[in-house]
Amino acid sequence: MKIARLSSVDLHWREDGDPNGYPIVFANSLGTDLRLWEKIIPLLPQEGFRFIRFDKRGHGLSSCPKPPYTMEALVTDTEEFLDQINVGACIFIGLSIGGFIGQSLASRRPEAIKALVLSNTAAKLGTAEMWQDRIDRIREGGIEAMADAILQRWFGEDFRQSADATLWRNMMTRTPADGYIGCSTAIAATDLTASTAQLKLPVLGIGGELDMASSPELVRGTTELIAGSRYVEIRNAGHLPCVEYPEIYAGHLTTFLKETSHVRTL
């Protein structure tokens, strides 16, 4: 376990693979921590790649400032973190709110983000009213009050009936309410449509057929904002296909890493 002490937050992070390899940075979803990628990392090519994961503010073992948060603050956290660990350029893989961070960071630092994976995410997600309703319900009853409804968006029926679903429910409900609310506030206020449409870099979009949080149509539409991008969809998967179908998910990532290996020399 490692902590990066930044200007306004401390981020928990870890790395795997080749410490001298090309950086591949993962950003996780709302209500999860860096263990989201646990099944994926061993399935990716290990030689020549440095796999970096972190808990965004308010999640996992990172510090949890009082909400509200802004997307700008989350992106600045990530920017400072990458600077501190000497990542000058990377391939960025973001799921859900992690995809928002990836899109924003690619717009802010195009020289640093050489390729981007937008997994189960969007340029704009939901309405301010929808997010405020969720925030109000969590303030009243905690995340536990919404846990079953969130699991329905995260996973297909088969996975929800498995013992492993308990692990992810526990991870979600043990997320600090302030962290969940803070990140929800950031998503509610964010519309990246205009800036994402200006991106010029290799992009892979990944959707889940059964995703009820960011529909496959929404993910595809966001991916198609970027010229030359490609979209793939994982059948029978919900919002976290890297958990439900890690082999398929890792296969798509491996193909993308091989296709974009030239970025390492740019």
C-alpha atoms as a PDB file:
ATOM      1  CA  MET A   1       0.000   0.000   0.000  1.00  0.00           C
ATOM      2  CA  LYS A   2       1.195   3.483  -0.880  1.00  0.00           C
ATOM      3  CA  ILE A   3      -0.060   6.992  -0.167  1.00  0.00           C
ATOM      4  CA  ALA A   4       0.518   9.994  -2.401  1.00  0.00           C
ATOM      5  CA  ARG A   5       0.255  13.172  -0.315  1.00  0.00           C
ATOM      6  CA  LEU A   6      -1.190  15.846  -2.589  1.00  0.00           C
ATOM      7  CA  SER A   7      -2.137  19.493  -2.068  1.00  0.00           C
ATOM      8  CA  SER A   8      -5.681  18.844  -0.830  1.00  0.00           C
ATOM      9  CA  VAL A   9      -6.036  15.066  -0.452  1.00  0.00           C
ATOM     10  CA  ASP A  10      -4.058  11.878   0.194  1.00  0.00           C
ATOM     11  CA  LEU A  11      -4.580   9.163  -2.430  1.00  0.00           C
ATOM     12  CA  HIS A  12      -4.041   5.458  -1.808  1.00  0.00           C
ATOM     13  CA  TRP A  13      -2.466   3.688  -4.776  1.00  0.00           C
ATOM     14  CA  ARG A  14      -0.570   0.613  -5.894  1.00  0.00           C
ATOM     15  CA  GLU A  15       1.352  -0.580  -8.916  1.00  0.00           C
ATOM     16  CA  ASP A  16       1.919  -3.962 -10.561  1.00  0.00           C
ATOM     17  CA  GLY A  17       3.770  -5.260 -13.577  1.00  0.00           C
ATOM     18  CA  ASP A  18       7.067  -3.846 -14.780  1.00  0.00           C
ATOM     19  CA  PRO A  19       8.086  -0.823 -12.613  1.00  0.00           C
ATOM     20  CA  ASN A  20      10.061   0.506 -15.586  1.00  0.00           C
ATOM     21  CA  GLY A  21       7.328  -0.227 -18.121  1.00  0.00           C
ATOM     22  CA  TYR A  22       4.980   2.107 -19.937  1.00  0.00           C
ATOM     23  CA  PRO A  23       2.313   3.406 -17.513  1.00  0.00           C
ATOM     24  CA  ILE A  24      -1.250   2.115 -17.779  1.00  0.00           C
ATOM     25  CA  VAL A  25      -3.447   4.066 -15.339  1.00  0.00           C
ATOM     26  CA  PHE A  26      -6.806   2.742 -14.093  1.00  0.00           C
ATOM     27  CA  ALA A  27      -9.556   4.901 -12.556  1.00  0.00           C
ATOM     28  CA  ASN A  28     -12.442   3.126 -10.849  1.00  0.00           C
ATOM     29  CA  SER A  29     -16.161   3.746 -10.586  1.00  0.00           C
ATOM     30  CA  LEU A  30     -18.404   5.367  -8.008  1.00  0.00           C
ATOM     31  CA  GLY A  31     -18.697   3.175  -4.926  1.00  0.00           C
ATOM     32  CA  THR A  32     -15.688   0.958  -5.672  1.00  0.00           C
ATOM     33  CA  ASP A  33     -11.984   1.117  -4.905  1.00  0.00           C
ATOM     34  CA  LEU A  34      -8.850   0.013  -6.758  1.00  0.00           C
ATOM     35  CA  ARG A  35      -9.773  -3.636  -6.196  1.00  0.00           C
ATOM     36  CA  LEU A  36     -12.169  -3.156  -9.122  1.00  0.00           C
ATOM     37  CA  TRP A  37      -9.267  -4.151 -11.390  1.00  0.00           C
ATOM     38  CA  GLU A  38      -8.035  -7.096  -9.308  1.00  0.00           C
ATOM     39  CA  LYS A  39      -9.121  -9.780 -11.794  1.00  0.00           C
ATOM     40  CA  ILE A  40      -7.913  -7.810 -14.824  1.00  0.00           C
ATOM     41  CA  ILE A  41      -4.295  -7.021 -13.993  1.00  0.00           C
ATOM     42  CA  PRO A  42      -2.968 -10.632 -14.071  1.00  0.00           C
ATOM     43  CA  LEU A  43      -4.645 -11.225 -17.445  1.00  0.00           C
ATOM     44  CA  LEU A  44      -2.863  -8.354 -19.200  1.00  0.00           C
ATOM     45  CA  PRO A  45       0.590  -8.593 -20.812  1.00  0.00           C
ATOM     46  CA  GLN A  46       3.056  -8.047 -17.981  1.00  0.00           C
ATOM     47  CA  GLU A  47       6.243  -7.334 -19.857  1.00  0.00           C
ATOM     48  CA  GLY A  48       6.845  -3.676 -20.612  1.00  0.00           C
ATOM     49  CA  PHE A  49       3.803  -2.263 -18.801  1.00  0.00           C
ATOM     50  CA  ARG A  50       3.466  -0.575 -15.415  1.00  0.00           C
ATOM     51  CA  PHE A  51      -0.100  -0.918 -14.083  1.00  0.00           C
ATOM     52  CA  ILE A  52      -1.137   1.902 -11.743  1.00  0.00           C
ATOM     53  CA  ARG A  53      -4.351   1.994  -9.709  1.00  0.00           C
ATOM     54  CA  PHE A  54      -5.602   4.537  -7.185  1.00  0.00           C
ATOM     55  CA  ASP A  55      -8.565   5.277  -4.932  1.00  0.00           C
ATOM     56  CA  LYS A  56     -10.089   8.646  -5.830  1.00  0.00           C
ATOM     57  CA  ARG A  57     -10.925  11.004  -3.002  1.00  0.00           C
ATOM     58  CA  GLY A  58     -13.648   9.740  -0.692  1.00  0.00           C
ATOM     59  CA  HIS A  59     -13.117   6.090  -1.656  1.00  0.00           C
ATOM     60  CA  GLY A  60     -11.075   3.129  -0.443  1.00  0.00           C
ATOM     61  CA  LEU A  61      -8.114   4.107   1.700  1.00  0.00           C
ATOM     62  CA  SER A  62      -7.802   7.646   0.324  1.00  0.00           C
ATOM     63  CA  SER A  63      -8.760  10.613   2.479  1.00  0.00           C
ATOM     64  CA  CYS A  64     -12.351  11.804   2.407  1.00  0.00           C
ATOM     65  CA  PRO A  65     -12.895  15.573   2.353  1.00  0.00           C
ATOM     66  CA  LYS A  66     -16.352  16.929   3.062  1.00  0.00           C
ATOM     67  CA  PRO A  67     -18.581  17.191  -0.020  1.00  0.00           C
ATOM     68  CA  PRO A  68     -19.396  18.618  -2.446  1.00  0.00           C
ATOM     69  CA  TYR A  69     -16.625  17.710  -4.902  1.00  0.00           C
ATOM     70  CA  THR A  70     -16.161  19.035  -8.414  1.00  0.00           C
ATOM     71  CA  MET A  71     -14.933  17.198 -11.474  1.00  0.00           C
ATOM     72  CA  GLU A  72     -12.148  19.747 -11.690  1.00  0.00           C
ATOM     73  CA  ALA A  73     -10.972  18.737  -8.195  1.00  0.00           C
ATOM     74  CA  LEU A  74     -11.027  15.037  -9.099  1.00  0.00           C
ATOM     75  CA  VAL A  75      -9.038  15.691 -12.282  1.00  0.00           C
ATOM     76  CA  THR A  76      -6.573  17.904 -10.421  1.00  0.00           C
ATOM     77  CA  ASP A  77      -6.082  15.117  -7.842  1.00  0.00           C
ATOM     78  CA  THR A  78      -5.252  12.724 -10.674  1.00  0.00           C
ATOM     79  CA  GLU A  79      -2.968  15.207 -12.398  1.00  0.00           C
ATOM     80  CA  GLU A  80      -1.023  15.890  -9.197  1.00  0.00           C
ATOM     81  CA  PHE A  81      -0.837  12.179  -8.429  1.00  0.00           C
ATOM     82  CA  LEU A  82       0.626  11.311 -11.827  1.00  0.00           C
ATOM     83  CA  ASP A  83       3.129  14.132 -11.549  1.00  0.00           C
ATOM     84  CA  GLN A  84       4.199  12.942  -8.094  1.00  0.00           C
ATOM     85  CA  ILE A  85       4.882   9.386  -9.272  1.00  0.00           C
ATOM     86  CA  ASN A  86       6.682  10.658 -12.385  1.00  0.00           C
ATOM     87  CA  VAL A  87       4.168   9.600 -15.026  1.00  0.00           C
ATOM     88  CA  GLY A  88       4.683  11.961 -17.922  1.00  0.00           C
ATOM     89  CA  ALA A  89       2.587  10.039 -20.443  1.00  0.00           C
ATOM     90  CA  CYS A  90       0.256   7.065 -20.115  1.00  0.00           C
ATOM     91  CA  ILE A  91      -2.648   5.062 -21.452  1.00  0.00           C
ATOM     92  CA  PHE A  92      -5.672   5.849 -19.264  1.00  0.00           C
ATOM     93  CA  ILE A  93      -8.472   3.363 -18.529  1.00  0.00           C
ATOM     94  CA  GLY A  94     -11.505   4.833 -16.791  1.00  0.00           C
ATOM     95  CA  LEU A  95     -14.770   3.170 -15.790  1.00  0.00           C
ATOM     96  CA  SER A  96     -17.884   5.225 -14.996  1.00  0.00           C
ATOM     97  CA  ILE A  97     -16.712   8.339 -13.093  1.00  0.00           C
ATOM     98  CA  GLY A  98     -13.188   7.150 -13.907  1.00  0.00           C
ATOM     99  CA  GLY A  99     -14.118   7.691 -17.558  1.00  0.00           C
ATOM    100  CA  PHE A 100     -15.176  11.264 -16.765  1.00  0.00           C
ATOM    101  CA  ILE A 101     -11.766  11.808 -15.206  1.00  0.00           C
ATOM    102  CA  GLY A 102     -10.084  10.277 -18.254  1.00  0.00           C
ATOM    103  CA  GLN A 103     -11.980  12.455 -20.732  1.00  0.00           C
ATOM    104  CA  SER A 104     -11.263  15.594 -18.720  1.00  0.00           C
ATOM    105  CA  LEU A 105      -7.600  14.762 -18.255  1.00  0.00           C
ATOM    106  CA  ALA A 106      -7.174  14.030 -21.969  1.00  0.00           C
ATOM    107  CA  SER A 107      -8.632  17.461 -22.750  1.00  0.00           C
ATOM    108  CA  ARG A 108      -6.492  19.209 -20.164  1.00  0.00           C
ATOM    109  CA  ARG A 109      -3.251  17.369 -20.904  1.00  0.00           C
ATOM    110  CA  PRO A 110      -3.382  15.947 -24.428  1.00  0.00           C
ATOM    111  CA  GLU A 111       0.385  15.475 -24.430  1.00  0.00           C
ATOM    112  CA  ALA A 112       0.123  13.136 -21.430  1.00  0.00           C
ATOM    113  CA  ILE A 113      -2.846  10.906 -22.309  1.00  0.00           C
ATOM    114  CA  LYS A 114      -1.714   8.951 -25.360  1.00  0.00           C
ATOM    115  CA  ALA A 115      -4.705   6.579 -25.562  1.00  0.00           C
ATOM    116  CA  LEU A 116      -7.962   6.287 -23.654  1.00  0.00           C
ATOM    117  CA  VAL A 117     -10.388   3.529 -22.685  1.00  0.00           C
ATOM    118  CA  LEU A 118     -13.912   4.757 -21.886  1.00  0.00           C
ATOM    119  CA  SER A 119     -15.625   1.912 -20.073  1.00  0.00           C
ATOM    120  CA  ASN A 120     -19.288   2.096 -19.020  1.00  0.00           C
ATOM    121  CA  THR A 121     -19.192   5.867 -18.944  1.00  0.00           C
ATOM    122  CA  ALA A 122     -20.502   8.918 -20.770  1.00  0.00           C
ATOM    123  CA  ALA A 123     -19.828  12.571 -21.483  1.00  0.00           C
ATOM    124  CA  LYS A 124     -22.943  13.383 -19.446  1.00  0.00           C
ATOM    125  CA  LEU A 125     -24.726  10.957 -17.139  1.00  0.00           C
ATOM    126  CA  GLY A 126     -28.242  11.488 -15.874  1.00  0.00           C
ATOM    127  CA  THR A 127     -29.822  14.729 -14.727  1.00  0.00           C
ATOM    128  CA  ALA A 128     -29.101  17.016 -11.817  1.00  0.00           C
ATOM    129  CA  GLU A 129     -32.511  16.100 -10.375  1.00  0.00           C
ATOM    130  CA  MET A 130     -31.770  12.365 -10.567  1.00  0.00           C
ATOM    131  CA  TRP A 131     -28.458  12.780  -8.773  1.00  0.00           C
ATOM    132  CA  GLN A 132     -29.974  15.071  -6.141  1.00  0.00           C
ATOM    133  CA  ASP A 133     -32.633  12.455  -5.413  1.00  0.00           C
ATOM    134  CA  ARG A 134     -29.916   9.841  -4.936  1.00  0.00           C
ATOM    135  CA  ILE A 135     -27.910  12.164  -2.697  1.00  0.00           C
ATOM    136  CA  ASP A 136     -30.988  12.942  -0.568  1.00  0.00           C
ATOM    137  CA  ARG A 137     -31.766   9.242  -0.142  1.00  0.00           C
ATOM    138  CA  ILE A 138     -28.205   8.487   0.942  1.00  0.00           C
ATOM    139  CA  ARG A 139     -28.253  11.349   3.428  1.00  0.00           C
ATOM    140  CA  GLU A 140     -31.458   9.956   4.914  1.00  0.00           C
ATOM    141  CA  GLY A 141     -30.691   6.238   4.955  1.00  0.00           C
ATOM    142  CA  GLY A 142     -27.026   5.803   4.039  1.00  0.00           C
ATOM    143  CA  ILE A 143     -25.753   3.874   1.029  1.00  0.00           C
ATOM    144  CA  GLU A 144     -27.348   0.735   2.452  1.00  0.00           C
ATOM    145  CA  ALA A 145     -30.760   2.173   1.571  1.00  0.00           C
ATOM    146  CA  MET A 146     -29.852   2.122  -2.123  1.00  0.00           C
ATOM    147  CA  ALA A 147     -27.541  -0.898  -2.207  1.00  0.00           C
ATOM    148  CA  ASP A 148     -29.896  -3.393  -3.843  1.00  0.00           C
ATOM    149  CA  ALA A 149     -30.964  -0.920  -6.533  1.00  0.00           C
ATOM    150  CA  ILE A 150     -27.331  -0.087  -7.292  1.00  0.00           C
ATOM    151  CA  LEU A 151     -26.415  -3.774  -7.555  1.00  0.00           C
ATOM    152  CA  GLN A 152     -29.123  -4.198 -10.186  1.00  0.00           C
ATOM    153  CA  ARG A 153     -27.379  -1.555 -12.275  1.00  0.00           C
ATOM    154  CA  TRP A 154     -23.935  -3.022 -11.642  1.00  0.00           C
ATOM    155  CA  PHE A 155     -24.504  -6.705 -12.448  1.00  0.00           C
ATOM    156  CA  GLY A 156     -26.654  -9.125 -14.388  1.00  0.00           C
ATOM    157  CA  GLU A 157     -29.017 -11.471 -12.580  1.00  0.00           C
ATOM    158  CA  ASP A 158     -26.658 -14.481 -12.598  1.00  0.00           C
ATOM    159  CA  PHE A 159     -23.845 -12.588 -10.913  1.00  0.00           C
ATOM    160  CA  ARG A 160     -26.186 -10.971  -8.378  1.00  0.00           C
ATOM    161  CA  GLN A 161     -27.173 -14.464  -7.232  1.00  0.00           C
ATOM    162  CA  SER A 162     -23.547 -15.523  -6.734  1.00  0.00           C
ATOM    163  CA  ALA A 163     -21.585 -15.355  -3.503  1.00  0.00           C
ATOM    164  CA  ASP A 164     -19.161 -12.869  -5.097  1.00  0.00           C
ATOM    165  CA  ALA A 165     -21.920 -10.263  -5.304  1.00  0.00           C
ATOM    166  CA  THR A 166     -21.717  -9.955  -1.511  1.00  0.00           C
ATOM    167  CA  LEU A 167     -18.144  -8.708  -1.799  1.00  0.00           C
ATOM    168  CA  TRP A 168     -19.158  -5.875  -4.089  1.00  0.00           C
ATOM    169  CA  ARG A 169     -22.196  -4.988  -2.023  1.00  0.00           C
ATOM    170  CA  ASN A 170     -19.983  -4.716   1.039  1.00  0.00           C
ATOM    171  CA  MET A 171     -17.440  -2.594  -0.818  1.00  0.00           C
ATOM    172  CA  MET A 172     -20.199  -0.240  -1.928  1.00  0.00           C
ATOM    173  CA  THR A 173     -21.938   0.117   1.432  1.00  0.00           C
ATOM    174  CA  ARG A 174     -18.618   0.670   3.240  1.00  0.00           C
ATOM    175  CA  THR A 175     -17.725   3.568   0.968  1.00  0.00           C
ATOM    176  CA  PRO A 176     -17.900   6.749   3.070  1.00  0.00           C
ATOM    177  CA  ALA A 177     -21.230   8.483   2.477  1.00  0.00           C
ATOM    178  CA  ASP A 178     -19.383  11.808   2.130  1.00  0.00           C
ATOM    179  CA  GLY A 179     -17.211  10.324  -0.619  1.00  0.00           C
ATOM    180  CA  TYR A 180     -20.157   8.851  -2.490  1.00  0.00           C
ATOM    181  CA  ILE A 181     -22.157  12.080  -2.197  1.00  0.00           C
ATOM    182  CA  GLY A 182     -19.166  14.216  -3.156  1.00  0.00           C
ATOM    183  CA  CYS A 183     -18.494  12.267  -6.343  1.00  0.00           C
ATOM    184  CA  SER A 184     -22.208  12.159  -7.167  1.00  0.00           C
ATOM    185  CA  THR A 185     -22.255  15.955  -6.943  1.00  0.00           C
ATOM    186  CA  ALA A 186     -19.314  16.124  -9.353  1.00  0.00           C
ATOM    187  CA  ILE A 187     -21.032  13.858 -11.901  1.00  0.00           C
ATOM    188  CA  ALA A 188     -24.304  15.779 -11.654  1.00  0.00           C
ATOM    189  CA  ALA A 189     -22.616  19.049 -12.635  1.00  0.00           C
ATOM    190  CA  THR A 190     -20.563  17.635 -15.518  1.00  0.00           C
ATOM    191  CA  ASP A 191     -21.210  17.722 -19.247  1.00  0.00           C
ATOM    192  CA  LEU A 192     -18.105  16.923 -21.295  1.00  0.00           C
ATOM    193  CA  THR A 193     -19.819  16.610 -24.674  1.00  0.00           C
ATOM    194  CA  ALA A 194     -18.143  19.614 -26.306  1.00  0.00           C
ATOM    195  CA  SER A 195     -14.614  18.962 -25.027  1.00  0.00           C
ATOM    196  CA  THR A 196     -14.749  15.191 -25.635  1.00  0.00           C
ATOM    197  CA  ALA A 197     -15.778  15.781 -29.248  1.00  0.00           C
ATOM    198  CA  GLN A 198     -12.495  17.678 -29.720  1.00  0.00           C
ATOM    199  CA  LEU A 199     -10.267  14.830 -28.535  1.00  0.00           C
ATOM    200  CA  LYS A 200      -7.758  13.404 -30.988  1.00  0.00           C
ATOM    201  CA  LEU A 201      -6.269  10.170 -29.683  1.00  0.00           C
ATOM    202  CA  PRO A 202      -6.886   6.407 -29.911  1.00  0.00           C
ATOM    203  CA  VAL A 203     -10.051   5.543 -27.957  1.00  0.00           C
ATOM    204  CA  LEU A 204     -11.738   2.257 -27.087  1.00  0.00           C
ATOM    205  CA  GLY A 205     -15.264   2.360 -25.689  1.00  0.00           C
ATOM    206  CA  ILE A 206     -16.530  -0.627 -23.696  1.00  0.00           C
ATOM    207  CA  GLY A 207     -20.199  -1.110 -22.865  1.00  0.00           C
ATOM    208  CA  GLY A 208     -22.199  -3.748 -21.038  1.00  0.00           C
ATOM    209  CA  GLU A 209     -25.320  -5.131 -22.679  1.00  0.00           C
ATOM    210  CA  LEU A 210     -27.265  -5.047 -19.393  1.00  0.00           C
ATOM    211  CA  ASP A 211     -25.725  -1.878 -17.944  1.00  0.00           C
ATOM    212  CA  MET A 212     -28.498   0.097 -16.249  1.00  0.00           C
ATOM    213  CA  ALA A 213     -26.201   2.868 -14.995  1.00  0.00           C
ATOM    214  CA  SER A 214     -24.627   3.893 -18.309  1.00  0.00           C
ATOM    215  CA  SER A 215     -26.563   2.216 -21.083  1.00  0.00           C
ATOM    216  CA  PRO A 216     -24.629   0.699 -24.005  1.00  0.00           C
ATOM    217  CA  GLU A 217     -26.284   3.249 -26.297  1.00  0.00           C
ATOM    218  CA  LEU A 218     -24.951   6.051 -24.109  1.00  0.00           C
ATOM    219  CA  VAL A 219     -21.441   4.596 -24.003  1.00  0.00           C
ATOM    220  CA  ARG A 220     -21.449   4.046 -27.763  1.00  0.00           C
ATOM    221  CA  GLY A 221     -22.681   7.587 -28.374  1.00  0.00           C
ATOM    222  CA  THR A 222     -19.937   9.058 -26.199  1.00  0.00           C
ATOM    223  CA  THR A 223     -17.275   6.938 -27.879  1.00  0.00           C
ATOM    224  CA  GLU A 224     -18.479   8.010 -31.313  1.00  0.00           C
ATOM    225  CA  LEU A 225     -17.951  11.672 -30.418  1.00  0.00           C
ATOM    226  CA  ILE A 226     -14.235  10.973 -30.957  1.00  0.00           C
ATOM    227  CA  ALA A 227     -13.085  10.491 -34.533  1.00  0.00           C
ATOM    228  CA  GLY A 228     -11.447   7.132 -35.204  1.00  0.00           C
ATOM    229  CA  SER A 229     -12.661   5.540 -31.959  1.00  0.00           C
ATOM    230  CA  ARG A 230     -13.928   1.961 -31.627  1.00  0.00           C
ATOM    231  CA  TYR A 231     -16.721   0.545 -29.468  1.00  0.00           C
ATOM    232  CA  VAL A 232     -17.169  -3.000 -28.164  1.00  0.00           C
ATOM    233  CA  GLU A 233     -20.012  -4.439 -26.107  1.00  0.00           C
ATOM    234  CA  ILE A 234     -19.854  -7.310 -23.648  1.00  0.00           C
ATOM    235  CA  ARG A 235     -22.945  -9.513 -23.702  1.00  0.00           C
ATOM    236  CA  ASN A 236     -24.881 -10.183 -20.491  1.00  0.00           C
ATOM    237  CA  ALA A 237     -22.671  -7.715 -18.593  1.00  0.00           C
ATOM    238  CA  GLY A 238     -23.815  -4.867 -16.389  1.00  0.00           C
ATOM    239  CA  HIS A 239     -21.991  -1.738 -15.261  1.00  0.00           C
ATOM    240  CA  LEU A 240     -18.839  -3.535 -14.082  1.00  0.00           C
ATOM    241  CA  PRO A 241     -17.960  -5.997 -16.866  1.00  0.00           C
ATOM    242  CA  CYS A 242     -14.366  -6.219 -15.635  1.00  0.00           C
ATOM    243  CA  VAL A 243     -15.803  -8.037 -12.596  1.00  0.00           C
ATOM    244  CA  GLU A 244     -18.378 -10.224 -14.352  1.00  0.00           C
ATOM    245  CA  TYR A 245     -16.341 -11.174 -17.429  1.00  0.00           C
ATOM    246  CA  PRO A 246     -12.680 -10.435 -16.682  1.00  0.00           C
ATOM    247  CA  GLU A 247     -11.269 -12.660 -19.438  1.00  0.00           C
ATOM    248  CA  ILE A 248     -13.352 -11.013 -22.147  1.00  0.00           C
ATOM    249  CA  TYR A 249     -12.686  -7.556 -20.758  1.00  0.00           C
ATOM    250  CA  ALA A 250      -8.938  -8.163 -20.480  1.00  0.00           C
ATOM    251  CA  GLY A 251      -8.947  -9.510 -24.027  1.00  0.00           C
ATOM    252  CA  HIS A 252     -10.322  -6.217 -25.339  1.00  0.00           C
ATOM    253  CA  LEU A 253      -7.772  -4.263 -23.302  1.00  0.00           C
ATOM    254  CA  THR A 254      -4.907  -6.443 -24.510  1.00  0.00           C
ATOM    255  CA  THR A 255      -5.904  -5.899 -28.137  1.00  0.00           C
ATOM    256  CA  PHE A 256      -6.102  -2.149 -27.551  1.00  0.00           C
ATOM    257  CA  LEU A 257      -2.708  -2.049 -25.829  1.00  0.00           C
ATOM    258  CA  LYS A 258      -1.148  -3.901 -28.754  1.00  0.00           C
ATOM    259  CA  GLU A 259      -2.846  -1.596 -31.265  1.00  0.00           C
ATOM    260  CA  THR A 260      -1.651   1.515 -29.475  1.00  0.00           C
ATOM    261  CA  SER A 261       1.822   0.323 -28.558  1.00  0.00           C
ATOM    262  CA  HIS A 262       3.239   2.900 -30.982  1.00  0.00           C
ATOM    263  CA  VAL A 263       2.158   5.668 -28.585  1.00  0.00           C
ATOM    264  CA  ARG A 264       5.039   4.657 -26.352  1.00  0.00           C
ATOM    265  CA  THR A 265       7.447   6.333 -28.755  1.00  0.00           C
ATOM    266  CA  LEU A 266       5.459   9.547 -29.282  1.00  0.00           C
END
